[in-house]
PDB file of N, CA and C in Angstrom:
ATOM      1  N   UNK A   1       0.864  -1.168   0.000  1.00  0.00           N
ATOM      2  CA  UNK A   1       0.000   0.000   0.000  1.00  0.00           C
ATOM      3  C   UNK A   1       0.909   1.229   0.000  1.00  0.00           C
ATOM      4  N   UNK A   2       0.615   2.195  -0.825  1.00  0.00           N
ATOM      5  CA  UNK A   2       1.432   3.394  -0.985  1.00  0.00           C
ATOM      6  C   UNK A   2       1.092   4.431   0.078  1.00  0.00           C
ATOM      7  N   UNK A   3       2.017   5.359   0.284  1.00  0.00           N
ATOM      8  CA  UNK A   3       1.791   6.468   1.204  1.00  0.00           C
ATOM      9  C   UNK A   3       1.205   7.658   0.452  1.00  0.00           C
ATOM     10  N   UNK A   4       0.444   8.464   1.173  1.00  0.00           N
ATOM     11  CA  UNK A   4      -0.162   9.676   0.604  1.00  0.00           C
ATOM     12  C   UNK A   4       0.412  10.857   1.378  1.00  0.00           C
ATOM     13  N   UNK A   5       0.775  11.930   0.666  1.00  0.00           N
ATOM     14  CA  UNK A   5       1.341  13.114   1.294  1.00  0.00           C
ATOM     15  C   UNK A   5       0.377  14.274   1.134  1.00  0.00           C
ATOM     16  N   UNK A   6       0.128  14.982   2.253  1.00  0.00           N
ATOM     17  CA  UNK A   6      -0.760  16.147   2.249  1.00  0.00           C
ATOM     18  C   UNK A   6       0.033  17.366   2.709  1.00  0.00           C
ATOM     19  N   UNK A   7      -0.363  18.537   2.200  1.00  0.00           N
ATOM     20  CA  UNK A   7       0.170  19.788   2.721  1.00  0.00           C
ATOM     21  C   UNK A   7      -0.752  20.167   3.878  1.00  0.00           C
ATOM     22  N   UNK A   8      -0.145  20.387   5.061  1.00  0.00           N
ATOM     23  CA  UNK A   8      -0.938  20.673   6.253  1.00  0.00           C
ATOM     24  C   UNK A   8      -1.063  22.179   6.455  1.00  0.00           C
ATOM     25  N   UNK A   9      -2.164  22.637   7.053  1.00  0.00           N
ATOM     26  CA  UNK A   9      -2.311  24.065   7.355  1.00  0.00           C
ATOM     27  C   UNK A   9      -1.218  24.521   8.345  1.00  0.00           C
ATOM     28  N   UNK A  10      -0.863  25.792   8.282  1.00  0.00           N
ATOM     29  CA  UNK A  10       0.161  26.347   9.167  1.00  0.00           C
ATOM     30  C   UNK A  10      -0.260  26.164  10.622  1.00  0.00           C
ATOM     31  N   UNK A  11       0.661  25.784  11.485  1.00  0.00           N
ATOM     32  CA  UNK A  11       0.386  25.604  12.898  1.00  0.00           C
ATOM     33  C   UNK A  11      -0.036  24.198  13.275  1.00  0.00           C
ATOM     34  N   UNK A  12      -0.337  23.356  12.310  1.00  0.00           N
ATOM     35  CA  UNK A  12      -0.750  21.985  12.582  1.00  0.00           C
ATOM     36  C   UNK A  12       0.484  21.142  12.872  1.00  0.00           C
ATOM     37  N   UNK A  13       0.442  20.323  13.937  1.00  0.00           N
ATOM     38  CA  UNK A  13       1.616  19.500  14.223  1.00  0.00           C
ATOM     39  C   UNK A  13       1.344  18.005  14.218  1.00  0.00           C
ATOM     40  N   UNK A  14       0.040  17.570  14.162  1.00  0.00           N
ATOM     41  CA  UNK A  14      -0.279  16.148  14.025  1.00  0.00           C
ATOM     42  C   UNK A  14      -1.628  16.005  13.325  1.00  0.00           C
ATOM     43  N   UNK A  15      -1.780  14.865  12.598  1.00  0.00           N
ATOM     44  CA  UNK A  15      -3.041  14.554  11.911  1.00  0.00           C
ATOM     45  C   UNK A  15      -3.471  13.157  12.356  1.00  0.00           C
ATOM     46  N   UNK A  16      -4.759  12.998  12.682  1.00  0.00           N
ATOM     47  CA  UNK A  16      -5.287  11.697  13.087  1.00  0.00           C
ATOM     48  C   UNK A  16      -5.710  10.919  11.855  1.00  0.00           C
ATOM     49  N   UNK A  17      -5.064   9.749  11.641  1.00  0.00           N
ATOM     50  CA  UNK A  17      -5.428   8.896  10.503  1.00  0.00           C
ATOM     51  C   UNK A  17      -6.657   8.073  10.834  1.00  0.00           C
ATOM     52  N   UNK A  18      -7.239   7.457   9.822  1.00  0.00           N
ATOM     53  CA  UNK A  18      -8.434   6.627   9.999  1.00  0.00           C
ATOM     54  C   UNK A  18      -8.128   5.381  10.830  1.00  0.00           C
ATOM     55  N   UNK A  19      -6.857   5.058  10.974  1.00  0.00           N
ATOM     56  CA  UNK A  19      -6.455   3.886  11.761  1.00  0.00           C
ATOM     57  C   UNK A  19      -6.254   4.230  13.243  1.00  0.00           C
ATOM     58  N   UNK A  20      -6.546   5.467  13.633  1.00  0.00           N
ATOM     59  CA  UNK A  20      -6.434   5.879  15.026  1.00  0.00           C
ATOM     60  C   UNK A  20      -5.041   6.338  15.434  1.00  0.00           C
ATOM     61  N   UNK A  21      -4.125   6.418  14.506  1.00  0.00           N
ATOM     62  CA  UNK A  21      -2.752   6.833  14.795  1.00  0.00           C
ATOM     63  C   UNK A  21      -2.580   8.302  14.423  1.00  0.00           C
ATOM     64  N   UNK A  22      -1.900   9.074  15.281  1.00  0.00           N
ATOM     65  CA  UNK A  22      -1.567  10.459  14.952  1.00  0.00           C
ATOM     66  C   UNK A  22      -0.248  10.465  14.185  1.00  0.00           C
ATOM     67  N   UNK A  23      -0.215  11.177  13.051  1.00  0.00           N
ATOM     68  CA  UNK A  23       0.981  11.280  12.217  1.00  0.00           C
ATOM     69  C   UNK A  23       1.536  12.694  12.335  1.00  0.00           C
ATOM     70  N   UNK A  24       2.881  12.832  12.498  1.00  0.00           N
ATOM     71  CA  UNK A  24       3.467  14.162  12.688  1.00  0.00           C
ATOM     72  C   UNK A  24       3.528  14.963  11.394  1.00  0.00           C
ATOM     73  N   UNK A  25       3.367  16.271  11.543  1.00  0.00           N
ATOM     74  CA  UNK A  25       3.538  17.189  10.420  1.00  0.00           C
ATOM     75  C   UNK A  25       4.989  17.668  10.470  1.00  0.00           C
ATOM     76  N   UNK A  26       5.707  17.485   9.359  1.00  0.00           N
ATOM     77  CA  UNK A  26       7.109  17.884   9.292  1.00  0.00           C
ATOM     78  C   UNK A  26       7.269  18.856   8.132  1.00  0.00           C
ATOM     79  N   UNK A  27       7.738  20.072   8.459  1.00  0.00           N
ATOM     80  CA  UNK A  27       7.915  21.137   7.463  1.00  0.00           C
ATOM     81  C   UNK A  27       6.628  21.390   6.674  1.00  0.00           C
ATOM     82  N   UNK A  28       5.490  21.353   7.347  1.00  0.00           N
ATOM     83  CA  UNK A  28       4.203  21.651   6.717  1.00  0.00           C
ATOM     84  C   UNK A  28       3.617  20.519   5.898  1.00  0.00           C
ATOM     85  N   UNK A  29       4.205  19.314   5.964  1.00  0.00           N
ATOM     86  CA  UNK A  29       3.743  18.177   5.157  1.00  0.00           C
ATOM     87  C   UNK A  29       3.556  16.984   6.081  1.00  0.00           C
ATOM     88  N   UNK A  30       2.482  16.197   5.838  1.00  0.00           N
ATOM     89  CA  UNK A  30       2.238  14.977   6.588  1.00  0.00           C
ATOM     90  C   UNK A  30       2.095  13.832   5.592  1.00  0.00           C
ATOM     91  N   UNK A  31       2.730  12.690   5.926  1.00  0.00           N
ATOM     92  CA  UNK A  31       2.656  11.506   5.068  1.00  0.00           C
ATOM     93  C   UNK A  31       2.017  10.391   5.874  1.00  0.00           C
ATOM     94  N   UNK A  32       0.962   9.772   5.303  1.00  0.00           N
ATOM     95  CA  UNK A  32       0.247   8.688   5.972  1.00  0.00           C
ATOM     96  C   UNK A  32       0.038   7.544   4.992  1.00  0.00           C
ATOM     97  N   UNK A  33      -0.152   6.321   5.496  1.00  0.00           N
ATOM     98  CA  UNK A  33      -0.476   5.213   4.586  1.00  0.00           C
ATOM     99  C   UNK A  33      -1.821   5.497   3.881  1.00  0.00           C
ATOM    100  N   UNK A  34      -1.951   5.029   2.675  1.00  0.00           N
ATOM    101  CA  UNK A  34      -3.133   5.331   1.852  1.00  0.00           C
ATOM    102  C   UNK A  34      -4.433   4.933   2.551  1.00  0.00           C
ATOM    103  N   UNK A  35      -4.482   3.799   3.201  1.00  0.00           N
ATOM    104  CA  UNK A  35      -5.696   3.346   3.872  1.00  0.00           C
ATOM    105  C   UNK A  35      -6.016   4.138   5.133  1.00  0.00           C
ATOM    106  N   UNK A  36      -5.022   4.860   5.692  1.00  0.00           N
ATOM    107  CA  UNK A  36      -5.227   5.623   6.913  1.00  0.00           C
ATOM    108  C   UNK A  36      -5.447   7.098   6.643  1.00  0.00           C
ATOM    109  N   UNK A  37      -5.408   7.502   5.357  1.00  0.00           N
ATOM    110  CA  UNK A  37      -5.513   8.920   5.014  1.00  0.00           C
ATOM    111  C   UNK A  37      -6.900   9.457   5.362  1.00  0.00           C
ATOM    112  N   UNK A  38      -6.967  10.627   6.019  1.00  0.00           N
ATOM    113  CA  UNK A  38      -8.272  11.233   6.304  1.00  0.00           C
ATOM    114  C   UNK A  38      -8.897  11.734   5.000  1.00  0.00           C
ATOM    115  N   UNK A  39     -10.213  11.990   4.973  1.00  0.00           N
ATOM    116  CA  UNK A  39     -10.886  12.421   3.738  1.00  0.00           C
ATOM    117  C   UNK A  39     -10.292  13.712   3.189  1.00  0.00           C
ATOM    118  N   UNK A  40      -9.898  14.619   4.038  1.00  0.00           N
ATOM    119  CA  UNK A  40      -9.291  15.873   3.585  1.00  0.00           C
ATOM    120  C   UNK A  40      -8.700  16.565   4.807  1.00  0.00           C
ATOM    121  N   UNK A  41      -7.829  17.504   4.593  1.00  0.00           N
ATOM    122  CA  UNK A  41      -7.286  18.265   5.701  1.00  0.00           C
ATOM    123  C   UNK A  41      -8.062  19.552   5.894  1.00  0.00           C
ATOM    124  N   UNK A  42      -9.230  19.606   5.384  1.00  0.00           N
ATOM    125  CA  UNK A  42     -10.167  20.677   5.684  1.00  0.00           C
ATOM    126  C   UNK A  42     -11.518  20.009   5.845  1.00  0.00           C
ATOM    127  N   UNK A  43     -12.446  20.652   6.449  1.00  0.00           N
ATOM    128  CA  UNK A  43     -13.752  20.035   6.615  1.00  0.00           C
ATOM    129  C   UNK A  43     -13.793  19.196   7.869  1.00  0.00           C
ATOM    130  N   UNK A  44     -14.064  17.877   7.734  1.00  0.00           N
ATOM    131  CA  UNK A  44     -14.316  17.059   8.911  1.00  0.00           C
ATOM    132  C   UNK A  44     -13.129  16.185   9.346  1.00  0.00           C
ATOM    133  N   UNK A  45     -11.896  16.486   8.929  1.00  0.00           N
ATOM    134  CA  UNK A  45     -10.741  15.717   9.398  1.00  0.00           C
ATOM    135  C   UNK A  45     -10.424  16.124  10.832  1.00  0.00           C
ATOM    136  N   UNK A  46      -9.948  15.173  11.644  1.00  0.00           N
ATOM    137  CA  UNK A  46      -9.565  15.477  13.013  1.00  0.00           C
ATOM    138  C   UNK A  46      -8.100  15.893  13.037  1.00  0.00           C
ATOM    139  N   UNK A  47      -7.854  17.101  13.473  1.00  0.00           N
ATOM    140  CA  UNK A  47      -6.504  17.637  13.468  1.00  0.00           C
ATOM    141  C   UNK A  47      -6.109  18.001  14.889  1.00  0.00           C
ATOM    142  N   UNK A  48      -4.916  17.623  15.306  1.00  0.00           N
ATOM    143  CA  UNK A  48      -4.428  17.954  16.639  1.00  0.00           C
ATOM    144  C   UNK A  48      -3.609  19.240  16.533  1.00  0.00           C
ATOM    145  N   UNK A  49      -3.938  20.228  17.375  1.00  0.00           N
ATOM    146  CA  UNK A  49      -3.212  21.486  17.363  1.00  0.00           C
ATOM    147  C   UNK A  49      -3.803  22.486  16.383  1.00  0.00           C
ATOM    148  N   UNK A  50      -4.970  22.199  15.857  1.00  0.00           N
ATOM    149  CA  UNK A  50      -5.574  23.100  14.866  1.00  0.00           C
ATOM    150  C   UNK A  50      -7.070  23.135  15.108  1.00  0.00           C
ATOM    151  N   UNK A  51      -7.619  24.305  15.190  1.00  0.00           N
ATOM    152  CA  UNK A  51      -9.054  24.473  15.376  1.00  0.00           C
ATOM    153  C   UNK A  51      -9.590  25.191  14.145  1.00  0.00           C
ATOM    154  N   UNK A  52     -10.384  24.484  13.334  1.00  0.00           N
ATOM    155  CA  UNK A  52     -10.868  25.076  12.085  1.00  0.00           C
ATOM    156  C   UNK A  52     -11.749  26.293  12.328  1.00  0.00           C
ATOM    157  N   UNK A  53     -12.380  26.367  13.495  1.00  0.00           N
ATOM    158  CA  UNK A  53     -13.223  27.521  13.779  1.00  0.00           C
ATOM    159  C   UNK A  53     -12.425  28.737  14.222  1.00  0.00           C
ATOM    160  N   UNK A  54     -11.243  28.536  14.698  1.00  0.00           N
ATOM    161  CA  UNK A  54     -10.448  29.641  15.238  1.00  0.00           C
ATOM    162  C   UNK A  54      -9.237  29.947  14.372  1.00  0.00           C
ATOM    163  N   UNK A  55      -8.610  28.944  13.811  1.00  0.00           N
ATOM    164  CA  UNK A  55      -7.395  29.153  13.029  1.00  0.00           C
ATOM    165  C   UNK A  55      -6.250  28.364  13.641  1.00  0.00           C
ATOM    166  N   UNK A  56      -5.122  28.549  13.063  1.00  0.00           N
ATOM    167  CA  UNK A  56      -3.942  27.783  13.473  1.00  0.00           C
ATOM    168  C   UNK A  56      -3.464  28.224  14.853  1.00  0.00           C
ATOM    169  N   UNK A  57      -2.895  27.276  15.567  1.00  0.00           N
ATOM    170  CA  UNK A  57      -2.280  27.574  16.856  1.00  0.00           C
ATOM    171  C   UNK A  57      -0.975  28.318  16.604  1.00  0.00           C
ATOM    172  N   UNK A  58      -0.746  29.359  17.380  1.00  0.00           N
ATOM    173  CA  UNK A  58       0.480  30.149  17.195  1.00  0.00           C
ATOM    174  C   UNK A  58       1.725  29.368  17.599  1.00  0.00           C
ATOM    175  N   UNK A  59       2.838  29.859  17.123  1.00  0.00           N
ATOM    176  CA  UNK A  59       4.124  29.227  17.434  1.00  0.00           C
ATOM    177  C   UNK A  59       4.480  29.466  18.899  1.00  0.00           C
ATOM    178  N   UNK A  60       5.278  28.585  19.437  1.00  0.00           N
ATOM    179  CA  UNK A  60       5.746  28.736  20.814  1.00  0.00           C
ATOM    180  C   UNK A  60       6.759  29.872  20.881  1.00  0.00           C
ATOM    181  N   UNK A  61       6.638  30.686  21.914  1.00  0.00           N
ATOM    182  CA  UNK A  61       7.546  31.817  22.068  1.00  0.00           C
ATOM    183  C   UNK A  61       8.949  31.380  22.468  1.00  0.00           C
ATOM    184  N   UNK A  62       9.895  32.316  22.433  1.00  0.00           N
ATOM    185  CA  UNK A  62      11.279  31.977  22.777  1.00  0.00           C
ATOM    186  C   UNK A  62      11.413  31.680  24.271  1.00  0.00           C
ATOM    187  N   UNK A  63      12.434  30.964  24.601  1.00  0.00           N
ATOM    188  CA  UNK A  63      12.729  30.639  25.998  1.00  0.00           C
ATOM    189  C   UNK A  63      13.330  31.870  26.659  1.00  0.00           C
ATOM    190  N   UNK A  64      12.907  32.164  27.879  1.00  0.00           N
ATOM    191  CA  UNK A  64      13.421  33.327  28.597  1.00  0.00           C
ATOM    192  C   UNK A  64      14.859  33.139  29.049  1.00  0.00           C
ATOM    193  N   UNK A  65      15.449  34.234  29.493  1.00  0.00           N
ATOM    194  CA  UNK A  65      16.833  34.206  29.967  1.00  0.00           C
ATOM    195  C   UNK A  65      16.945  33.404  31.260  1.00  0.00           C
ATOM    196  N   UNK A  66      18.123  32.902  31.495  1.00  0.00           N
ATOM    197  CA  UNK A  66      18.406  32.182  32.732  1.00  0.00           C
ATOM    198  C   UNK A  66      18.540  33.188  33.866  1.00  0.00           C
ATOM    199  N   UNK A  67      18.002  32.878  35.026  1.00  0.00           N
ATOM    200  CA  UNK A  67      18.078  33.774  36.175  1.00  0.00           C
ATOM    201  C   UNK A  67      19.497  33.860  36.728  1.00  0.00           C
ATOM    202  N   UNK A  68      19.704  34.873  37.540  1.00  0.00           N
ATOM    203  CA  UNK A  68      21.018  35.084  38.144  1.00  0.00           C
ATOM    204  C   UNK A  68      21.350  33.959  39.115  1.00  0.00           C
ATOM    205  N   UNK A  69      22.627  33.741  39.298  1.00  0.00           N
ATOM    206  CA  UNK A  69      23.101  32.726  40.238  1.00  0.00           C
ATOM    207  C   UNK A  69      22.949  33.270  41.650  1.00  0.00           C
ATOM    208  N   UNK A  70      22.483  32.467  42.566  1.00  0.00           N
ATOM    209  CA  UNK A  70      22.310  32.892  43.952  1.00  0.00           C
ATOM    210  C   UNK A  70      23.647  33.144  44.634  1.00  0.00           C
ATOM    211  N   UNK A  71      23.598  33.854  45.724  1.00  0.00           N
ATOM    212  CA  UNK A  71      24.809  34.178  46.480  1.00  0.00           C
ATOM    213  C   UNK A  71      25.418  32.954  47.138  1.00  0.00           C
ATOM    214  N   UNK A  72      26.638  33.114  47.599  1.00  0.00           N
ATOM    215  CA  UNK A  72      27.343  32.026  48.279  1.00  0.00           C
ATOM    216  C   UNK A  72      26.751  31.830  49.666  1.00  0.00           C
ATOM    217  N   UNK A  73      26.606  30.622  50.089  1.00  0.00           N
ATOM    218  CA  UNK A  73      26.061  30.333  51.408  1.00  0.00           C
ATOM    219  C   UNK A  73      27.034  30.732  52.508  1.00  0.00           C
ATOM    220  N   UNK A  74      26.525  30.841  53.705  1.00  0.00           N
ATOM    221  CA  UNK A  74      27.339  31.223  54.852  1.00  0.00           C
ATOM    222  C   UNK A  74      28.340  30.135  55.226  1.00  0.00           C
ATOM    223  N   UNK A  75      29.306  30.526  56.042  1.00  0.00           N
ATOM    224  CA  UNK A  75      30.318  29.576  56.508  1.00  0.00           C
ATOM    225  C   UNK A  75      29.688  28.618  57.511  1.00  0.00           C
ATOM    226  N   UNK A  76      30.050  27.386  57.426  1.00  0.00           N
ATOM    227  CA  UNK A  76      29.513  26.381  58.340  1.00  0.00           C
ATOM    228  C   UNK A  76      30.021  26.594  59.755  1.00  0.00           C
ATOM    229  N   UNK A  77      29.318  26.087  60.730  1.00  0.00           N
ATOM    230  CA  UNK A  77      29.698  26.216  62.143  1.00  0.00           C
ATOM    231  C   UNK A  77      30.905  25.351  62.479  1.00  0.00           C
ATOM    232  N   UNK A  78      31.484  25.604  63.641  1.00  0.00           N
ATOM    233  CA  UNK A  78      32.629  24.825  64.115  1.00  0.00           C
ATOM    234  C   UNK A  78      32.143  23.467  64.602  1.00  0.00           C
ATOM    235  N   UNK A  79      32.883  22.463  64.283  1.00  0.00           N
ATOM    236  CA  UNK A  79      32.501  21.108  64.690  1.00  0.00           C
ATOM    237  C   UNK A  79      32.704  20.936  66.197  1.00  0.00           C
ATOM    238  N   UNK A  80      31.956  20.058  66.797  1.00  0.00           N
ATOM    239  CA  UNK A  80      32.092  19.779  68.228  1.00  0.00           C
ATOM    240  C   UNK A  80      33.410  19.072  68.492  1.00  0.00           C
ATOM    241  N   UNK A  81      33.939  19.266  69.698  1.00  0.00           N
ATOM    242  CA  UNK A  81      35.201  18.614  70.072  1.00  0.00           C
ATOM    243  C   UNK A  81      35.006  17.108  70.152  1.00  0.00           C
ATOM    244  N   UNK A  82      36.037  16.387  69.805  1.00  0.00           N
ATOM    245  CA  UNK A  82      35.967  14.926  69.863  1.00  0.00           C
ATOM    246  C   UNK A  82      35.971  14.448  71.314  1.00  0.00           C
ATOM    247  N   UNK A  83      35.527  13.241  71.543  1.00  0.00           N
ATOM    248  CA  UNK A  83      35.493  12.689  72.899  1.00  0.00           C
ATOM    249  C   UNK A  83      36.902  12.327  73.345  1.00  0.00           C
ATOM    250  N   UNK A  84      37.135  12.347  74.685  1.00  0.00           N
ATOM    251  CA  UNK A  84      38.439  11.990  75.241  1.00  0.00           C
ATOM    252  C   UNK A  84      38.639  10.491  75.120  1.00  0.00           C
ATOM    253  N   UNK A  85      39.850  10.095  74.760  1.00  0.00           N
ATOM    254  CA  UNK A  85      40.144   8.670  74.614  1.00  0.00           C
ATOM    255  C   UNK A  85      40.170   7.965  75.960  1.00  0.00           C
ATOM    256  N   UNK A  86      40.062   6.660  75.974  1.00  0.00           N
ATOM    257  CA  UNK A  86      40.088   5.876  77.210  1.00  0.00           C
ATOM    258  C   UNK A  86      41.512   5.732  77.717  1.00  0.00           C
ATOM    259  N   UNK A  87      41.685   5.551  79.032  1.00  0.00           N
ATOM    260  CA  UNK A  87      43.003   5.364  79.629  1.00  0.00           C
ATOM    261  C   UNK A  87      43.518   3.976  79.285  1.00  0.00           C
ATOM    262  N   UNK A  88      44.784   3.903  78.947  1.00  0.00           N
ATOM    263  CA  UNK A  88      45.384   2.621  78.584  1.00  0.00           C
ATOM    264  C   UNK A  88      45.551   1.728  79.805  1.00  0.00           C
ATOM    265  N   UNK A  89      45.806   0.433  79.618  1.00  0.00           N
ATOM    266  CA  UNK A  89      45.961  -0.503  80.739  1.00  0.00           C
ATOM    267  C   UNK A  89      47.261  -0.232  81.512  1.00  0.00           C
ATOM    268  N   UNK A  90      47.306  -0.660  82.800  1.00  0.00           N
ATOM    269  CA  UNK A  90      48.505  -0.511  83.631  1.00  0.00           C
ATOM    270  C   UNK A  90      49.578  -1.450  83.125  1.00  0.00           C
ATOM    271  N   UNK A  91      50.808  -0.982  83.140  1.00  0.00           N
ATOM    272  CA  UNK A  91      51.918  -1.802  82.656  1.00  0.00           C
ATOM    273  C   UNK A  91      52.162  -2.994  83.569  1.00  0.00           C
ATOM    274  N   UNK A  92      52.868  -4.005  83.080  1.00  0.00           N
ATOM    275  CA  UNK A  92      53.148  -5.225  83.839  1.00  0.00           C
ATOM    276  C   UNK A  92      54.127  -4.935  84.979  1.00  0.00           C
ATOM    277  N   UNK A  93      54.041  -5.710  86.091  1.00  0.00           N
ATOM    278  CA  UNK A  93      54.962  -5.554  87.224  1.00  0.00           C
ATOM    279  C   UNK A  93      56.353  -5.949  86.785  1.00  0.00           C
ATOM    280  N   UNK A  94      57.346  -5.458  87.564  1.00  0.00           N
ATOM    281  CA  UNK A  94      58.728  -5.773  87.248  1.00  0.00           C
ATOM    282  C   UNK A  94      59.073  -7.225  87.536  1.00  0.00           C
ATOM    283  N   UNK A  95      58.266  -7.955  88.200  1.00  0.00           N
ATOM    284  CA  UNK A  95      58.545  -9.358  88.475  1.00  0.00           C
ATOM    285  C   UNK A  95      59.123  -9.532  89.892  1.00  0.00           C
ATOM    286  N   UNK A  96      59.419 -10.795  90.315  1.00  0.00           N
ATOM    287  CA  UNK A  96      59.893 -11.067  91.674  1.00  0.00           C
ATOM    288  C   UNK A  96      61.412 -11.086  91.743  1.00  0.00           C
ATOM    289  N   UNK A  97      62.099 -10.899  90.673  1.00  0.00           N
ATOM    290  CA  UNK A  97      63.561 -10.936  90.708  1.00  0.00           C
ATOM    291  C   UNK A  97      64.087  -9.673  91.381  1.00  0.00           C
ATOM    292  N   UNK A  98      65.089  -9.882  92.251  1.00  0.00           N
ATOM    293  CA  UNK A  98      65.757  -8.724  92.846  1.00  0.00           C
ATOM    294  C   UNK A  98      67.105  -8.627  92.168  1.00  0.00           C
ATOM    295  N   UNK A  99      67.757  -7.560  92.391  1.00  0.00           N
ATOM    296  CA  UNK A  99      69.061  -7.370  91.760  1.00  0.00           C
ATOM    297  C   UNK A  99      70.111  -8.328  92.326  1.00  0.00           C
ATOM    298  N   UNK A 100      71.219  -8.440  91.663  1.00  0.00           N
ATOM    299  CA  UNK A 100      72.324  -9.291  92.131  1.00  0.00           C
ATOM    300  C   UNK A 100      72.895  -8.735  93.434  1.00  0.00           C
ATOM    301  N   UNK A 101      73.445  -9.658  94.327  1.00  0.00           N
ATOM    302  CA  UNK A 101      74.093  -9.236  95.580  1.00  0.00           C
ATOM    303  C   UNK A 101      75.399  -8.558  95.221  1.00  0.00           C
ATOM    304  N   UNK A 102      75.672  -7.475  95.925  1.00  0.00           N
ATOM    305  CA  UNK A 102      76.913  -6.734  95.645  1.00  0.00           C
ATOM    306  C   UNK A 102      78.153  -7.532  96.046  1.00  0.00           C
ATOM    307  N   UNK A 103      79.306  -7.154  95.548  1.00  0.00           N
ATOM    308  CA  UNK A 103      80.576  -7.833  95.852  1.00  0.00           C
ATOM    309  C   UNK A 103      80.967  -7.594  97.311  1.00  0.00           C
ATOM    310  N   UNK A 104      81.679  -8.572  97.909  1.00  0.00           N
ATOM    311  CA  UNK A 104      82.147  -8.451  99.298  1.00  0.00           C
ATOM    312  C   UNK A 104      83.232  -7.396  99.349  1.00  0.00           C
ATOM    313  N   UNK A 105      83.169  -6.592 100.411  1.00  0.00           N
ATOM    314  CA  UNK A 105      84.160  -5.518 100.536  1.00  0.00           C
ATOM    315  C   UNK A 105      85.555  -6.080 100.840  1.00  0.00           C
ATOM    316  N   UNK A 106      86.542  -5.307 100.573  1.00  0.00           N
ATOM    317  CA  UNK A 106      87.945  -5.732 100.807  1.00  0.00           C
ATOM    318  C   UNK A 106      88.245  -5.842 102.321  1.00  0.00           C
ATOM    319  N   UNK A 107      89.123  -6.772 102.698  1.00  0.00           N
ATOM    320  CA  UNK A 107      89.518  -6.930 104.095  1.00  0.00           C
ATOM    321  C   UNK A 107      90.328  -5.722 104.499  1.00  0.00           C
ATOM    322  N   UNK A 108      90.103  -5.281 105.746  1.00  0.00           N
ATOM    323  CA  UNK A 108      90.816  -4.094 106.212  1.00  0.00           C
ATOM    324  C   UNK A 108      92.333  -4.324 106.256  1.00  0.00           C
ATOM    325  N   UNK A 109      93.060  -3.295 106.048  1.00  0.00           N
ATOM    326  CA  UNK A 109      94.526  -3.403 106.006  1.00  0.00           C
ATOM    327  C   UNK A 109      95.147  -2.780 107.253  1.00  0.00           C
ATOM    328  N   UNK A 110      94.495  -2.918 108.394  1.00  0.00           N
ATOM    329  CA  UNK A 110      95.013  -2.304 109.621  1.00  0.00           C
ATOM    330  C   UNK A 110      96.354  -2.966 110.082  1.00  0.00           C
ATOM    331  N   UNK A 111      97.147  -2.277 110.874  1.00  0.00           N
ATOM    332  CA  UNK A 111      98.438  -2.819 111.352  1.00  0.00           C
ATOM    333  C   UNK A 111      98.218  -3.689 112.584  1.00  0.00           C
ATOM    334  N   UNK A 112      99.135  -4.618 112.821  1.00  0.00           N
ATOM    335  CA  UNK A 112      99.052  -5.503 113.979  1.00  0.00           C
ATOM    336  C   UNK A 112      99.389  -4.701 115.237  1.00  0.00           C
ATOM    337  N   UNK A 113      98.689  -4.962 116.306  1.00  0.00           N
ATOM    338  CA  UNK A 113      98.922  -4.216 117.554  1.00  0.00           C
ATOM    339  C   UNK A 113     100.324  -4.529 118.169  1.00  0.00           C
ATOM    340  N   UNK A 114     100.796  -3.691 119.091  1.00  0.00           N
ATOM    341  CA  UNK A 114     102.131  -3.848 119.717  1.00  0.00           C
ATOM    342  C   UNK A 114     102.133  -5.016 120.720  1.00  0.00           C
ATOM    343  N   UNK A 115     103.280  -5.564 120.979  1.00  0.00           N
ATOM    344  CA  UNK A 115     103.408  -6.683 121.913  1.00  0.00           C
ATOM    345  C   UNK A 115     103.158  -6.170 123.316  1.00  0.00           C
ATOM    346  N   UNK A 116     102.413  -6.952 124.065  1.00  0.00           N
ATOM    347  CA  UNK A 116     102.092  -6.529 125.432  1.00  0.00           C
ATOM    348  C   UNK A 116     103.343  -6.585 126.355  1.00  0.00           C
ATOM    349  N   UNK A 117     103.243  -5.927 127.482  1.00  0.00           N
ATOM    350  CA  UNK A 117     104.386  -5.899 128.410  1.00  0.00           C
ATOM    351  C   UNK A 117     104.538  -7.254 129.097  1.00  0.00           C
ATOM    352  N   UNK A 118     105.704  -7.529 129.555  1.00  0.00           N
ATOM    353  CA  UNK A 118     106.013  -8.817 130.180  1.00  0.00           C
ATOM    354  C   UNK A 118     105.331  -8.844 131.551  1.00  0.00           C
ATOM    355  N   UNK A 119     104.815  -9.999 131.905  1.00  0.00           N
ATOM    356  CA  UNK A 119     104.135 -10.158 133.188  1.00  0.00           C
ATOM    357  C   UNK A 119     105.160 -10.269 134.357  1.00  0.00           C
ATOM    358  N   UNK A 120     104.691 -10.176 135.602  1.00  0.00           N
ATOM    359  CA  UNK A 120     105.583 -10.228 136.754  1.00  0.00           C
ATOM    360  C   UNK A 120     106.217 -11.613 136.885  1.00  0.00           C
ATOM    361  N   UNK A 121     107.313 -11.670 137.506  1.00  0.00           N
ATOM    362  CA  UNK A 121     108.040 -12.923 137.667  1.00  0.00           C
ATOM    363  C   UNK A 121     107.310 -13.740 138.722  1.00  0.00           C
ATOM    364  N   UNK A 122     107.263 -14.989 138.462  1.00  0.00           N
ATOM    365  CA  UNK A 122     106.560 -15.830 139.388  1.00  0.00           C
ATOM    366  C   UNK A 122     107.342 -16.083 140.689  1.00  0.00           C
ATOM    367  N   UNK A 123     106.691 -16.534 141.728  1.00  0.00           N
ATOM    368  CA  UNK A 123     107.294 -16.759 143.048  1.00  0.00           C
ATOM    369  C   UNK A 123     108.228 -17.966 142.993  1.00  0.00           C
ATOM    370  N   UNK A 124     109.192 -17.971 143.915  1.00  0.00           N
ATOM    371  CA  UNK A 124     110.177 -19.056 143.976  1.00  0.00           C
ATOM    372  C   UNK A 124     109.520 -20.238 144.655  1.00  0.00           C
ATOM    373  N   UNK A 125     109.782 -21.360 144.143  1.00  0.00           N
ATOM    374  CA  UNK A 125     109.132 -22.535 144.618  1.00  0.00           C
ATOM    375  C   UNK A 125     109.676 -23.026 145.972  1.00  0.00           C
ATOM    376  N   UNK A 126     109.176 -23.929 146.831  1.00  0.00           N
ATOM    377  CA  UNK A 126     109.555 -24.405 148.173  1.00  0.00           C
ATOM    378  C   UNK A 126     110.842 -25.169 148.228  1.00  0.00           C
TER     379      UNK A 126
END
């Protein structure tokens, strides 16, 4: 089945075919399958975006300018202080070992005392 091309009225952007499908209007022309072609693009055809009693829908206006960028936000607050760390465990005891015994001191080097005096002479025997 061949396609049929129609010139669409200005402002029309879709045409409803007899098969219930809307066909887009491109550069003022719409192409539909021959069996789906409406009877005419004037009179009793159903047109989307076009009102035969009023006229064509006007074109969409230009997009407005972009608004100004907002100001910079304020500085953030100071963070809360961190929590104090836990106390570490007590160190291990030194153990039961005592230090080594010190060396024995040297013997004194004092001088020998003087000889005592001679005792009295004993009595003469009987």
